[in-house]
PDB file of N, CA and C in Angstrom:
ATOM      1  N   MET A   1     -37.987  20.550  -7.496  1.00  0.00           N
ATOM      2  CA  MET A   1     -37.864  21.924  -7.018  1.00  0.00           C
ATOM      3  C   MET A   1     -37.013  21.864  -5.725  1.00  0.00           C
ATOM      4  N   ALA A   2     -36.070  22.746  -5.674  1.00  0.00           N
ATOM      5  CA  ALA A   2     -35.196  22.785  -4.473  1.00  0.00           C
ATOM      6  C   ALA A   2     -35.996  23.336  -3.281  1.00  0.00           C
ATOM      7  N   ARG A   3     -35.700  22.809  -2.160  1.00  0.00           N
ATOM      8  CA  ARG A   3     -36.330  23.217  -0.914  1.00  0.00           C
ATOM      9  C   ARG A   3     -35.674  24.516  -0.434  1.00  0.00           C
ATOM     10  N   ALA A   4     -36.501  25.457   0.088  1.00  0.00           N
ATOM     11  CA  ALA A   4     -35.946  26.697   0.655  1.00  0.00           C
ATOM     12  C   ALA A   4     -35.151  26.385   1.891  1.00  0.00           C
ATOM     13  N   ARG A   5     -34.020  27.070   2.087  1.00  0.00           N
ATOM     14  CA  ARG A   5     -33.220  26.930   3.306  1.00  0.00           C
ATOM     15  C   ARG A   5     -32.692  28.273   3.706  1.00  0.00           C
ATOM     16  N   ALA A   6     -32.240  28.337   4.929  1.00  0.00           N
ATOM     17  CA  ALA A   6     -31.727  29.587   5.477  1.00  0.00           C
ATOM     18  C   ALA A   6     -30.552  30.078   4.634  1.00  0.00           C
ATOM     19  N   LEU A   7     -30.387  31.389   4.542  1.00  0.00           N
ATOM     20  CA  LEU A   7     -29.323  32.033   3.784  1.00  0.00           C
ATOM     21  C   LEU A   7     -27.967  31.604   4.390  1.00  0.00           C
ATOM     22  N   GLN A   8     -27.167  30.948   3.532  1.00  0.00           N
ATOM     23  CA  GLN A   8     -25.824  30.501   3.936  1.00  0.00           C
ATOM     24  C   GLN A   8     -24.872  30.821   2.790  1.00  0.00           C
ATOM     25  N   CYS A   9     -23.616  31.019   3.198  1.00  0.00           N
ATOM     26  CA  CYS A   9     -22.543  31.255   2.225  1.00  0.00           C
ATOM     27  C   CYS A   9     -22.317  29.978   1.456  1.00  0.00           C
ATOM     28  N   PRO A  10     -22.276  29.990   0.120  1.00  0.00           N
ATOM     29  CA  PRO A  10     -22.027  28.811  -0.655  1.00  0.00           C
ATOM     30  C   PRO A  10     -20.561  28.340  -0.566  1.00  0.00           C
ATOM     31  N   PHE A  11     -19.677  29.180  -0.066  1.00  0.00           N
ATOM     32  CA  PHE A  11     -18.282  28.799   0.008  1.00  0.00           C
ATOM     33  C   PHE A  11     -17.921  28.143   1.343  1.00  0.00           C
ATOM     34  N   CYS A  12     -18.505  28.615   2.433  1.00  0.00           N
ATOM     35  CA  CYS A  12     -18.105  28.082   3.740  1.00  0.00           C
ATOM     36  C   CYS A  12     -19.296  27.630   4.605  1.00  0.00           C
ATOM     37  N   GLU A  13     -20.510  27.799   4.086  1.00  0.00           N
ATOM     38  CA  GLU A  13     -21.774  27.351   4.722  1.00  0.00           C
ATOM     39  C   GLU A  13     -22.106  28.125   6.013  1.00  0.00           C
ATOM     40  N   ASN A  14     -21.468  29.264   6.200  1.00  0.00           N
ATOM     41  CA  ASN A  14     -21.763  30.111   7.352  1.00  0.00           C
ATOM     42  C   ASN A  14     -23.161  30.758   7.180  1.00  0.00           C
ATOM     43  N   TYR A  15     -23.971  30.769   8.211  1.00  0.00           N
ATOM     44  CA  TYR A  15     -25.322  31.429   8.100  1.00  0.00           C
ATOM     45  C   TYR A  15     -25.068  32.945   8.011  1.00  0.00           C
ATOM     46  N   LEU A  16     -25.865  33.596   7.194  1.00  0.00           N
ATOM     47  CA  LEU A  16     -25.677  35.020   6.892  1.00  0.00           C
ATOM     48  C   LEU A  16     -26.921  35.802   7.236  1.00  0.00           C
ATOM     49  N   ARG A  17     -26.711  37.098   7.550  1.00  0.00           N
ATOM     50  CA  ARG A  17     -27.807  38.006   7.761  1.00  0.00           C
ATOM     51  C   ARG A  17     -28.394  38.428   6.397  1.00  0.00           C
ATOM     52  N   ALA A  18     -29.569  38.918   6.454  1.00  0.00           N
ATOM     53  CA  ALA A  18     -30.225  39.446   5.207  1.00  0.00           C
ATOM     54  C   ALA A  18     -29.374  40.594   4.678  1.00  0.00           C
ATOM     55  N   PRO A  19     -29.349  40.740   3.384  1.00  0.00           N
ATOM     56  CA  PRO A  19     -28.592  41.845   2.748  1.00  0.00           C
ATOM     57  C   PRO A  19     -29.038  43.194   3.284  1.00  0.00           C
ATOM     58  N   ILE A  20     -28.111  44.092   3.413  1.00  0.00           N
ATOM     59  CA  ILE A  20     -28.384  45.443   3.902  1.00  0.00           C
ATOM     60  C   ILE A  20     -27.925  46.453   2.844  1.00  0.00           C
ATOM     61  N   ASP A  21     -28.383  47.695   2.962  1.00  0.00           N
ATOM     62  CA  ASP A  21     -27.910  48.746   2.084  1.00  0.00           C
ATOM     63  C   ASP A  21     -26.497  49.134   2.444  1.00  0.00           C
ATOM     64  N   ILE A  22     -25.625  49.162   1.441  1.00  0.00           N
ATOM     65  CA  ILE A  22     -24.208  49.438   1.690  1.00  0.00           C
ATOM     66  C   ILE A  22     -23.834  50.638   0.779  1.00  0.00           C
ATOM     67  N   ASN A  23     -23.172  51.591   1.454  1.00  0.00           N
ATOM     68  CA  ASN A  23     -22.566  52.729   0.717  1.00  0.00           C
ATOM     69  C   ASN A  23     -21.142  52.762   1.101  1.00  0.00           C
ATOM     70  N   PHE A  24     -20.260  52.408   0.162  1.00  0.00           N
ATOM     71  CA  PHE A  24     -18.831  52.321   0.462  1.00  0.00           C
ATOM     72  C   PHE A  24     -18.065  52.892  -0.712  1.00  0.00           C
ATOM     73  N   LYS A  25     -17.287  53.941  -0.407  1.00  0.00           N
ATOM     74  CA  LYS A  25     -16.569  54.673  -1.447  1.00  0.00           C
ATOM     75  C   LYS A  25     -17.584  55.133  -2.506  1.00  0.00           C
ATOM     76  N   ASP A  26     -17.367  54.794  -3.759  1.00  0.00           N
ATOM     77  CA  ASP A  26     -18.313  55.174  -4.817  1.00  0.00           C
ATOM     78  C   ASP A  26     -19.367  54.130  -5.110  1.00  0.00           C
ATOM     79  N   LEU A  27     -19.452  53.086  -4.225  1.00  0.00           N
ATOM     80  CA  LEU A  27     -20.367  51.981  -4.447  1.00  0.00           C
ATOM     81  C   LEU A  27     -21.626  52.177  -3.611  1.00  0.00           C
ATOM     82  N   SER A  28     -22.760  51.785  -4.191  1.00  0.00           N
ATOM     83  CA  SER A  28     -24.024  51.788  -3.433  1.00  0.00           C
ATOM     84  C   SER A  28     -24.841  50.610  -3.940  1.00  0.00           C
ATOM     85  N   PHE A  29     -25.127  49.647  -3.037  1.00  0.00           N
ATOM     86  CA  PHE A  29     -25.883  48.448  -3.393  1.00  0.00           C
ATOM     87  C   PHE A  29     -26.409  47.796  -2.148  1.00  0.00           C
ATOM     88  N   THR A  30     -27.102  46.710  -2.268  1.00  0.00           N
ATOM     89  CA  THR A  30     -27.622  45.942  -1.179  1.00  0.00           C
ATOM     90  C   THR A  30     -26.923  44.614  -1.115  1.00  0.00           C
ATOM     91  N   GLY A  31     -26.279  44.258   0.025  1.00  0.00           N
ATOM     92  CA  GLY A  31     -25.539  43.078   0.113  1.00  0.00           C
ATOM     93  C   GLY A  31     -24.933  42.799   1.498  1.00  0.00           C
ATOM     94  N   GLY A  32     -23.832  42.089   1.562  1.00  0.00           N
ATOM     95  CA  GLY A  32     -23.171  41.834   2.800  1.00  0.00           C
ATOM     96  C   GLY A  32     -21.849  41.158   2.594  1.00  0.00           C
ATOM     97  N   ILE A  33     -21.195  40.801   3.754  1.00  0.00           N
ATOM     98  CA  ILE A  33     -19.893  40.150   3.748  1.00  0.00           C
ATOM     99  C   ILE A  33     -19.940  38.961   4.647  1.00  0.00           C
ATOM    100  N   CYS A  34     -19.321  37.868   4.224  1.00  0.00           N
ATOM    101  CA  CYS A  34     -19.215  36.678   5.028  1.00  0.00           C
ATOM    102  C   CYS A  34     -17.829  36.681   5.714  1.00  0.00           C
ATOM    103  N   THR A  35     -17.714  35.893   6.792  1.00  0.00           N
ATOM    104  CA  THR A  35     -16.398  35.857   7.522  1.00  0.00           C
ATOM    105  C   THR A  35     -15.329  35.177   6.645  1.00  0.00           C
ATOM    106  N   CYS A  36     -15.706  34.429   5.590  1.00  0.00           N
ATOM    107  CA  CYS A  36     -14.693  33.801   4.737  1.00  0.00           C
ATOM    108  C   CYS A  36     -14.194  34.802   3.649  1.00  0.00           C
ATOM    109  N   ARG A  37     -14.598  36.057   3.743  1.00  0.00           N
ATOM    110  CA  ARG A  37     -14.178  37.165   2.819  1.00  0.00           C
ATOM    111  C   ARG A  37     -15.000  37.190   1.569  1.00  0.00           C
ATOM    112  N   ALA A  38     -16.011  36.336   1.432  1.00  0.00           N
ATOM    113  CA  ALA A  38     -16.900  36.401   0.260  1.00  0.00           C
ATOM    114  C   ALA A  38     -17.854  37.616   0.467  1.00  0.00           C
ATOM    115  N   VAL A  39     -18.250  38.211  -0.608  1.00  0.00           N
ATOM    116  CA  VAL A  39     -19.257  39.270  -0.558  1.00  0.00           C
ATOM    117  C   VAL A  39     -20.448  38.797  -1.291  1.00  0.00           C
ATOM    118  N   TYR A  40     -21.629  39.332  -0.949  1.00  0.00           N
ATOM    119  CA  TYR A  40     -22.810  39.007  -1.667  1.00  0.00           C
ATOM    120  C   TYR A  40     -23.569  40.272  -1.943  1.00  0.00           C
ATOM    121  N   VAL A  41     -24.223  40.291  -3.169  1.00  0.00           N
ATOM    122  CA  VAL A  41     -24.958  41.464  -3.626  1.00  0.00           C
ATOM    123  C   VAL A  41     -26.294  40.977  -4.124  1.00  0.00           C
ATOM    124  N   LEU A  42     -27.305  41.748  -3.798  1.00  0.00           N
ATOM    125  CA  LEU A  42     -28.695  41.444  -4.137  1.00  0.00           C
ATOM    126  C   LEU A  42     -29.175  42.079  -5.441  1.00  0.00           C
ATOM    127  N   ASP A  43     -29.786  41.327  -6.259  1.00  0.00           N
ATOM    128  CA  ASP A  43     -30.503  41.843  -7.437  1.00  0.00           C
ATOM    129  C   ASP A  43     -31.983  41.520  -7.206  1.00  0.00           C
ATOM    130  N   GLU A  44     -32.703  42.553  -6.762  1.00  0.00           N
ATOM    131  CA  GLU A  44     -34.130  42.303  -6.432  1.00  0.00           C
ATOM    132  C   GLU A  44     -34.961  41.943  -7.640  1.00  0.00           C
ATOM    133  N   SER A  45     -34.644  42.438  -8.809  1.00  0.00           N
ATOM    134  CA  SER A  45     -35.411  42.188 -10.024  1.00  0.00           C
ATOM    135  C   SER A  45     -35.031  40.831 -10.647  1.00  0.00           C
ATOM    136  N   GLY A  46     -33.821  40.366 -10.378  1.00  0.00           N
ATOM    137  CA  GLY A  46     -33.344  39.168 -11.041  1.00  0.00           C
ATOM    138  C   GLY A  46     -32.921  39.398 -12.467  1.00  0.00           C
ATOM    139  N   ARG A  47     -32.933  40.695 -12.881  1.00  0.00           N
ATOM    140  CA  ARG A  47     -32.562  41.028 -14.268  1.00  0.00           C
ATOM    141  C   ARG A  47     -31.424  42.001 -14.393  1.00  0.00           C
ATOM    142  N   ALA A  48     -30.697  42.245 -13.332  1.00  0.00           N
ATOM    143  CA  ALA A  48     -29.574  43.236 -13.400  1.00  0.00           C
ATOM    144  C   ALA A  48     -28.272  42.558 -12.970  1.00  0.00           C
ATOM    145  N   MET A  49     -28.099  41.318 -13.357  1.00  0.00           N
ATOM    146  CA  MET A  49     -26.965  40.566 -12.899  1.00  0.00           C
ATOM    147  C   MET A  49     -25.642  41.193 -13.316  1.00  0.00           C
ATOM    148  N   GLY A  50     -25.538  41.822 -14.486  1.00  0.00           N
ATOM    149  CA  GLY A  50     -24.310  42.461 -14.953  1.00  0.00           C
ATOM    150  C   GLY A  50     -23.923  43.566 -13.997  1.00  0.00           C
ATOM    151  N   GLU A  51     -24.913  44.374 -13.636  1.00  0.00           N
ATOM    152  CA  GLU A  51     -24.623  45.517 -12.748  1.00  0.00           C
ATOM    153  C   GLU A  51     -24.158  45.040 -11.369  1.00  0.00           C
ATOM    154  N   ILE A  52     -24.853  44.027 -10.784  1.00  0.00           N
ATOM    155  CA  ILE A  52     -24.481  43.603  -9.467  1.00  0.00           C
ATOM    156  C   ILE A  52     -23.152  42.829  -9.496  1.00  0.00           C
ATOM    157  N   PHE A  53     -22.845  42.197 -10.638  1.00  0.00           N
ATOM    158  CA  PHE A  53     -21.566  41.521 -10.787  1.00  0.00           C
ATOM    159  C   PHE A  53     -20.425  42.560 -10.686  1.00  0.00           C
ATOM    160  N   LEU A  54     -20.544  43.689 -11.356  1.00  0.00           N
ATOM    161  CA  LEU A  54     -19.562  44.743 -11.267  1.00  0.00           C
ATOM    162  C   LEU A  54     -19.449  45.252  -9.876  1.00  0.00           C
ATOM    163  N   ASP A  55     -20.623  45.462  -9.190  1.00  0.00           N
ATOM    164  CA  ASP A  55     -20.614  45.957  -7.823  1.00  0.00           C
ATOM    165  C   ASP A  55     -19.858  44.957  -6.894  1.00  0.00           C
ATOM    166  N   ALA A  56     -20.202  43.656  -7.071  1.00  0.00           N
ATOM    167  CA  ALA A  56     -19.581  42.669  -6.238  1.00  0.00           C
ATOM    168  C   ALA A  56     -18.086  42.586  -6.422  1.00  0.00           C
ATOM    169  N   LEU A  57     -17.639  42.636  -7.659  1.00  0.00           N
ATOM    170  CA  LEU A  57     -16.202  42.659  -7.942  1.00  0.00           C
ATOM    171  C   LEU A  57     -15.507  43.877  -7.310  1.00  0.00           C
ATOM    172  N   ALA A  58     -16.110  45.032  -7.441  1.00  0.00           N
ATOM    173  CA  ALA A  58     -15.536  46.240  -6.882  1.00  0.00           C
ATOM    174  C   ALA A  58     -15.519  46.118  -5.362  1.00  0.00           C
ATOM    175  N   PHE A  59     -16.552  45.607  -4.762  1.00  0.00           N
ATOM    176  CA  PHE A  59     -16.609  45.499  -3.319  1.00  0.00           C
ATOM    177  C   PHE A  59     -15.587  44.523  -2.797  1.00  0.00           C
ATOM    178  N   VAL A  60     -15.472  43.387  -3.412  1.00  0.00           N
ATOM    179  CA  VAL A  60     -14.478  42.392  -2.976  1.00  0.00           C
ATOM    180  C   VAL A  60     -13.080  42.932  -3.149  1.00  0.00           C
ATOM    181  N   CYS A  61     -12.890  43.886  -4.008  1.00  0.00           N
ATOM    182  CA  CYS A  61     -11.531  44.588  -4.163  1.00  0.00           C
ATOM    183  C   CYS A  61     -11.478  45.863  -3.306  1.00  0.00           C
ATOM    184  N   LYS A  62     -12.299  45.939  -2.300  1.00  0.00           N
ATOM    185  CA  LYS A  62     -12.284  47.007  -1.315  1.00  0.00           C
ATOM    186  C   LYS A  62     -12.503  48.366  -1.966  1.00  0.00           C
ATOM    187  N   GLY A  63     -13.394  48.394  -2.989  1.00  0.00           N
ATOM    188  CA  GLY A  63     -13.757  49.640  -3.590  1.00  0.00           C
ATOM    189  C   GLY A  63     -12.817  50.101  -4.750  1.00  0.00           C
ATOM    190  N   ASP A  64     -11.819  49.310  -5.051  1.00  0.00           N
ATOM    191  CA  ASP A  64     -10.854  49.620  -6.105  1.00  0.00           C
ATOM    192  C   ASP A  64     -11.441  49.146  -7.442  1.00  0.00           C
ATOM    193  N   ILE A  65     -12.186  50.013  -8.091  1.00  0.00           N
ATOM    194  CA  ILE A  65     -12.864  49.648  -9.330  1.00  0.00           C
ATOM    195  C   ILE A  65     -11.844  49.288 -10.418  1.00  0.00           C
ATOM    196  N   ASP A  66     -10.739  50.008 -10.531  1.00  0.00           N
ATOM    197  CA  ASP A  66      -9.738  49.683 -11.550  1.00  0.00           C
ATOM    198  C   ASP A  66      -9.232  48.294 -11.363  1.00  0.00           C
ATOM    199  N   ARG A  67      -8.903  47.886 -10.094  1.00  0.00           N
ATOM    200  CA  ARG A  67      -8.413  46.557  -9.845  1.00  0.00           C
ATOM    201  C   ARG A  67      -9.472  45.542 -10.161  1.00  0.00           C
ATOM    202  N   SER A  68     -10.723  45.788  -9.812  1.00  0.00           N
ATOM    203  CA  SER A  68     -11.777  44.850 -10.072  1.00  0.00           C
ATOM    204  C   SER A  68     -11.964  44.563 -11.570  1.00  0.00           C
ATOM    205  N   LEU A  69     -11.734  45.591 -12.390  1.00  0.00           N
ATOM    206  CA  LEU A  69     -11.882  45.417 -13.842  1.00  0.00           C
ATOM    207  C   LEU A  69     -10.703  44.701 -14.486  1.00  0.00           C
ATOM    208  N   GLN A  70      -9.601  44.610 -13.764  1.00  0.00           N
ATOM    209  CA  GLN A  70      -8.422  43.915 -14.271  1.00  0.00           C
ATOM    210  C   GLN A  70      -8.305  42.472 -13.789  1.00  0.00           C
ATOM    211  N   LEU A  71      -9.259  41.994 -12.955  1.00  0.00           N
ATOM    212  CA  LEU A  71      -9.219  40.668 -12.473  1.00  0.00           C
ATOM    213  C   LEU A  71      -9.492  39.646 -13.629  1.00  0.00           C
ATOM    214  N   ASP A  72      -8.742  38.582 -13.638  1.00  0.00           N
ATOM    215  CA  ASP A  72      -9.012  37.479 -14.574  1.00  0.00           C
ATOM    216  C   ASP A  72     -10.026  36.582 -13.922  1.00  0.00           C
ATOM    217  N   PRO A  73     -10.889  35.918 -14.686  1.00  0.00           N
ATOM    218  CA  PRO A  73     -11.897  35.026 -14.130  1.00  0.00           C
ATOM    219  C   PRO A  73     -11.333  33.891 -13.231  1.00  0.00           C
ATOM    220  N   ASP A  74     -10.083  33.517 -13.433  1.00  0.00           N
ATOM    221  CA  ASP A  74      -9.489  32.468 -12.594  1.00  0.00           C
ATOM    222  C   ASP A  74      -9.007  33.039 -11.268  1.00  0.00           C
ATOM    223  N   GLU A  75      -9.200  34.317 -10.990  1.00  0.00           N
ATOM    224  CA  GLU A  75      -8.756  34.933  -9.721  1.00  0.00           C
ATOM    225  C   GLU A  75      -9.909  35.033  -8.731  1.00  0.00           C
ATOM    226  N   TYR A  76     -11.140  34.640  -9.103  1.00  0.00           N
ATOM    227  CA  TYR A  76     -12.238  34.699  -8.195  1.00  0.00           C
ATOM    228  C   TYR A  76     -13.281  33.632  -8.462  1.00  0.00           C
ATOM    229  N   GLU A  77     -14.101  33.392  -7.489  1.00  0.00           N
ATOM    230  CA  GLU A  77     -15.146  32.399  -7.625  1.00  0.00           C
ATOM    231  C   GLU A  77     -16.501  33.110  -7.527  1.00  0.00           C
ATOM    232  N   THR A  78     -17.528  32.621  -8.212  1.00  0.00           N
ATOM    233  CA  THR A  78     -18.826  33.228  -8.121  1.00  0.00           C
ATOM    234  C   THR A  78     -19.902  32.123  -7.986  1.00  0.00           C
ATOM    235  N   VAL A  79     -20.951  32.468  -7.300  1.00  0.00           N
ATOM    236  CA  VAL A  79     -22.127  31.578  -7.151  1.00  0.00           C
ATOM    237  C   VAL A  79     -23.360  32.474  -7.181  1.00  0.00           C
ATOM    238  N   GLU A  80     -24.335  32.053  -8.000  1.00  0.00           N
ATOM    239  CA  GLU A  80     -25.590  32.797  -8.106  1.00  0.00           C
ATOM    240  C   GLU A  80     -26.710  31.943  -7.462  1.00  0.00           C
ATOM    241  N   LEU A  81     -27.514  32.533  -6.620  1.00  0.00           N
ATOM    242  CA  LEU A  81     -28.568  31.805  -5.942  1.00  0.00           C
ATOM    243  C   LEU A  81     -29.899  32.594  -6.047  1.00  0.00           C
ATOM    244  N   ASP A  82     -31.007  31.813  -6.124  1.00  0.00           N
ATOM    245  CA  ASP A  82     -32.333  32.425  -6.001  1.00  0.00           C
ATOM    246  C   ASP A  82     -32.522  32.791  -4.531  1.00  0.00           C
ATOM    247  N   TYR A  83     -33.188  33.914  -4.287  1.00  0.00           N
ATOM    248  CA  TYR A  83     -33.315  34.471  -2.925  1.00  0.00           C
ATOM    249  C   TYR A  83     -34.726  34.986  -2.668  1.00  0.00           C
ATOM    250  N   ASP A  84     -35.255  34.618  -1.492  1.00  0.00           N
ATOM    251  CA  ASP A  84     -36.541  35.165  -1.013  1.00  0.00           C
ATOM    252  C   ASP A  84     -36.252  36.150   0.091  1.00  0.00           C
ATOM    253  N   SER A  85     -36.394  37.445  -0.243  1.00  0.00           N
ATOM    254  CA  SER A  85     -36.040  38.450   0.754  1.00  0.00           C
ATOM    255  C   SER A  85     -37.007  38.555   1.963  1.00  0.00           C
ATOM    256  N   HIS A  86     -38.204  38.061   1.768  1.00  0.00           N
ATOM    257  CA  HIS A  86     -39.193  38.113   2.842  1.00  0.00           C
ATOM    258  C   HIS A  86     -38.876  37.064   3.919  1.00  0.00           C
ATOM    259  N   ALA A  87     -38.346  35.927   3.507  1.00  0.00           N
ATOM    260  CA  ALA A  87     -38.048  34.854   4.454  1.00  0.00           C
ATOM    261  C   ALA A  87     -36.575  34.701   4.704  1.00  0.00           C
ATOM    262  N   ASN A  88     -35.708  35.451   4.007  1.00  0.00           N
ATOM    263  CA  ASN A  88     -34.235  35.356   4.099  1.00  0.00           C
ATOM    264  C   ASN A  88     -33.830  33.902   3.809  1.00  0.00           C
ATOM    265  N   THR A  89     -34.398  33.354   2.754  1.00  0.00           N
ATOM    266  CA  THR A  89     -34.055  31.946   2.366  1.00  0.00           C
ATOM    267  C   THR A  89     -33.585  31.898   0.907  1.00  0.00           C
ATOM    268  N   ILE A  90     -32.849  30.811   0.597  1.00  0.00           N
ATOM    269  CA  ILE A  90     -32.333  30.565  -0.737  1.00  0.00           C
ATOM    270  C   ILE A  90     -32.876  29.223  -1.238  1.00  0.00           C
ATOM    271  N   GLY A  91     -32.936  29.068  -2.521  1.00  0.00           N
ATOM    272  CA  GLY A  91     -33.191  27.779  -3.100  1.00  0.00           C
ATOM    273  C   GLY A  91     -34.542  27.495  -3.687  1.00  0.00           C
ATOM    274  N   ARG A  92     -35.577  28.089  -3.182  1.00  0.00           N
ATOM    275  CA  ARG A  92     -36.934  27.831  -3.717  1.00  0.00           C
ATOM    276  C   ARG A  92     -37.225  28.870  -4.754  1.00  0.00           C
ATOM    277  N   ARG A  93     -37.691  28.383  -5.909  1.00  0.00           N
ATOM    278  CA  ARG A  93     -38.046  29.302  -6.967  1.00  0.00           C
ATOM    279  C   ARG A  93     -39.554  29.529  -6.848  1.00  0.00           C
ATOM    280  N   GLY A  94     -39.874  30.816  -6.746  1.00  0.00           N
ATOM    281  CA  GLY A  94     -41.299  31.198  -6.681  1.00  0.00           C
ATOM    282  C   GLY A  94     -41.734  31.607  -8.104  1.00  0.00           C
ATOM    283  N   SER A  95     -42.619  32.560  -8.186  1.00  0.00           N
ATOM    284  CA  SER A  95     -43.035  33.083  -9.449  1.00  0.00           C
ATOM    285  C   SER A  95     -41.869  33.708 -10.152  1.00  0.00           C
ATOM    286  N   PRO A  96     -41.664  33.420 -11.420  1.00  0.00           N
ATOM    287  CA  PRO A  96     -40.491  34.012 -12.139  1.00  0.00           C
ATOM    288  C   PRO A  96     -40.474  35.512 -12.059  1.00  0.00           C
ATOM    289  N   ALA A  97     -41.625  36.172 -11.935  1.00  0.00           N
ATOM    290  CA  ALA A  97     -41.626  37.667 -11.837  1.00  0.00           C
ATOM    291  C   ALA A  97     -41.167  38.130 -10.482  1.00  0.00           C
ATOM    292  N   LYS A  98     -41.108  37.238  -9.475  1.00  0.00           N
ATOM    293  CA  LYS A  98     -40.683  37.666  -8.124  1.00  0.00           C
ATOM    294  C   LYS A  98     -39.369  37.113  -7.676  1.00  0.00           C
ATOM    295  N   ILE A  99     -38.613  36.570  -8.542  1.00  0.00           N
ATOM    296  CA  ILE A  99     -37.315  35.956  -8.184  1.00  0.00           C
ATOM    297  C   ILE A  99     -36.251  37.018  -7.977  1.00  0.00           C
ATOM    298  N   SER A 100     -35.719  37.059  -6.782  1.00  0.00           N
ATOM    299  CA  SER A 100     -34.496  37.858  -6.539  1.00  0.00           C
ATOM    300  C   SER A 100     -33.310  37.003  -6.663  1.00  0.00           C
ATOM    301  N   LYS A 101     -32.159  37.571  -6.938  1.00  0.00           N
ATOM    302  CA  LYS A 101     -30.924  36.799  -7.069  1.00  0.00           C
ATOM    303  C   LYS A 101     -29.910  37.360  -6.110  1.00  0.00           C
ATOM    304  N   LEU A 102     -29.087  36.464  -5.521  1.00  0.00           N
ATOM    305  CA  LEU A 102     -27.900  36.853  -4.812  1.00  0.00           C
ATOM    306  C   LEU A 102     -26.693  36.391  -5.547  1.00  0.00           C
ATOM    307  N   LEU A 103     -25.735  37.246  -5.711  1.00  0.00           N
ATOM    308  CA  LEU A 103     -24.453  36.881  -6.345  1.00  0.00           C
ATOM    309  C   LEU A 103     -23.376  36.892  -5.279  1.00  0.00           C
ATOM    310  N   PHE A 104     -22.714  35.803  -5.124  1.00  0.00           N
ATOM    311  CA  PHE A 104     -21.570  35.710  -4.188  1.00  0.00           C
ATOM    312  C   PHE A 104     -20.291  35.724  -4.964  1.00  0.00           C
ATOM    313  N   VAL A 105     -19.308  36.467  -4.463  1.00  0.00           N
ATOM    314  CA  VAL A 105     -18.012  36.568  -5.141  1.00  0.00           C
ATOM    315  C   VAL A 105     -16.942  36.472  -4.023  1.00  0.00           C
ATOM    316  N   ARG A 106     -15.921  35.679  -4.322  1.00  0.00           N
ATOM    317  CA  ARG A 106     -14.789  35.553  -3.371  1.00  0.00           C
ATOM    318  C   ARG A 106     -13.508  35.454  -4.190  1.00  0.00           C
ATOM    319  N   LEU A 107     -12.543  36.195  -3.768  1.00  0.00           N
ATOM    320  CA  LEU A 107     -11.209  36.146  -4.414  1.00  0.00           C
ATOM    321  C   LEU A 107     -10.586  34.791  -4.037  1.00  0.00           C
ATOM    322  N   LYS A 108      -9.905  34.197  -4.976  1.00  0.00           N
ATOM    323  CA  LYS A 108      -9.174  32.943  -4.726  1.00  0.00           C
ATOM    324  C   LYS A 108      -7.869  33.324  -4.029  1.00  0.00           C
ATOM    325  N   GLU A 109      -7.371  32.399  -3.222  1.00  0.00           N
ATOM    326  CA  GLU A 109      -6.054  32.576  -2.576  1.00  0.00           C
ATOM    327  C   GLU A 109      -4.980  32.363  -3.624  1.00  0.00           C
ATOM    328  N   PRO A 110      -4.005  33.255  -3.635  1.00  0.00           N
ATOM    329  CA  PRO A 110      -2.857  33.009  -4.589  1.00  0.00           C
ATOM    330  C   PRO A 110      -2.138  31.713  -4.197  1.00  0.00           C
ATOM    331  N   ASP A 111      -1.688  31.004  -5.202  1.00  0.00           N
ATOM    332  CA  ASP A 111      -0.920  29.789  -4.946  1.00  0.00           C
ATOM    333  C   ASP A 111       0.367  30.128  -4.229  1.00  0.00           C
ATOM    334  N   LYS A 112       0.640  29.451  -3.154  1.00  0.00           N
ATOM    335  CA  LYS A 112       1.886  29.679  -2.437  1.00  0.00           C
ATOM    336  C   LYS A 112       2.951  28.781  -2.990  1.00  0.00           C
ATOM    337  N   LYS A 113       4.034  29.377  -3.440  1.00  0.00           N
ATOM    338  CA  LYS A 113       5.111  28.570  -4.008  1.00  0.00           C
ATOM    339  C   LYS A 113       5.951  27.976  -2.890  1.00  0.00           C
ATOM    340  N   LYS A 114       6.333  26.720  -3.066  1.00  0.00           N
ATOM    341  CA  LYS A 114       7.184  26.020  -2.103  1.00  0.00           C
ATOM    342  C   LYS A 114       8.617  26.459  -2.385  1.00  0.00           C
ATOM    343  N   THR A 115       9.312  26.685  -1.224  1.00  0.00           N
ATOM    344  CA  THR A 115      10.748  27.075  -1.392  1.00  0.00           C
ATOM    345  C   THR A 115      11.599  26.017  -0.778  1.00  0.00           C
TER     346      THR A 115
END
């Protein structure tokens, strides 16, 4: 069993604040933003990953839902983590009925062509 640890970005290991309620353009969810430009979205039930995946993609695209739906999977990175909202920790699996999930999404940098 993985040991619980403080909430950190899986891309840059920056420590993060607990998710907060976010209302941005037509989006409304619980999550946050890392300094590395990754966004994270909370699924408290652990059973709505499709919905929060769409929210995260739209949020990482600055609210542009059309753009988010046109992204190819090779244009972004995702990481899903178990989350304890009471302790703001990741990694330890509690009762399956109480597992919350955090989904992290970050756009990949476009390849820079050498000239």
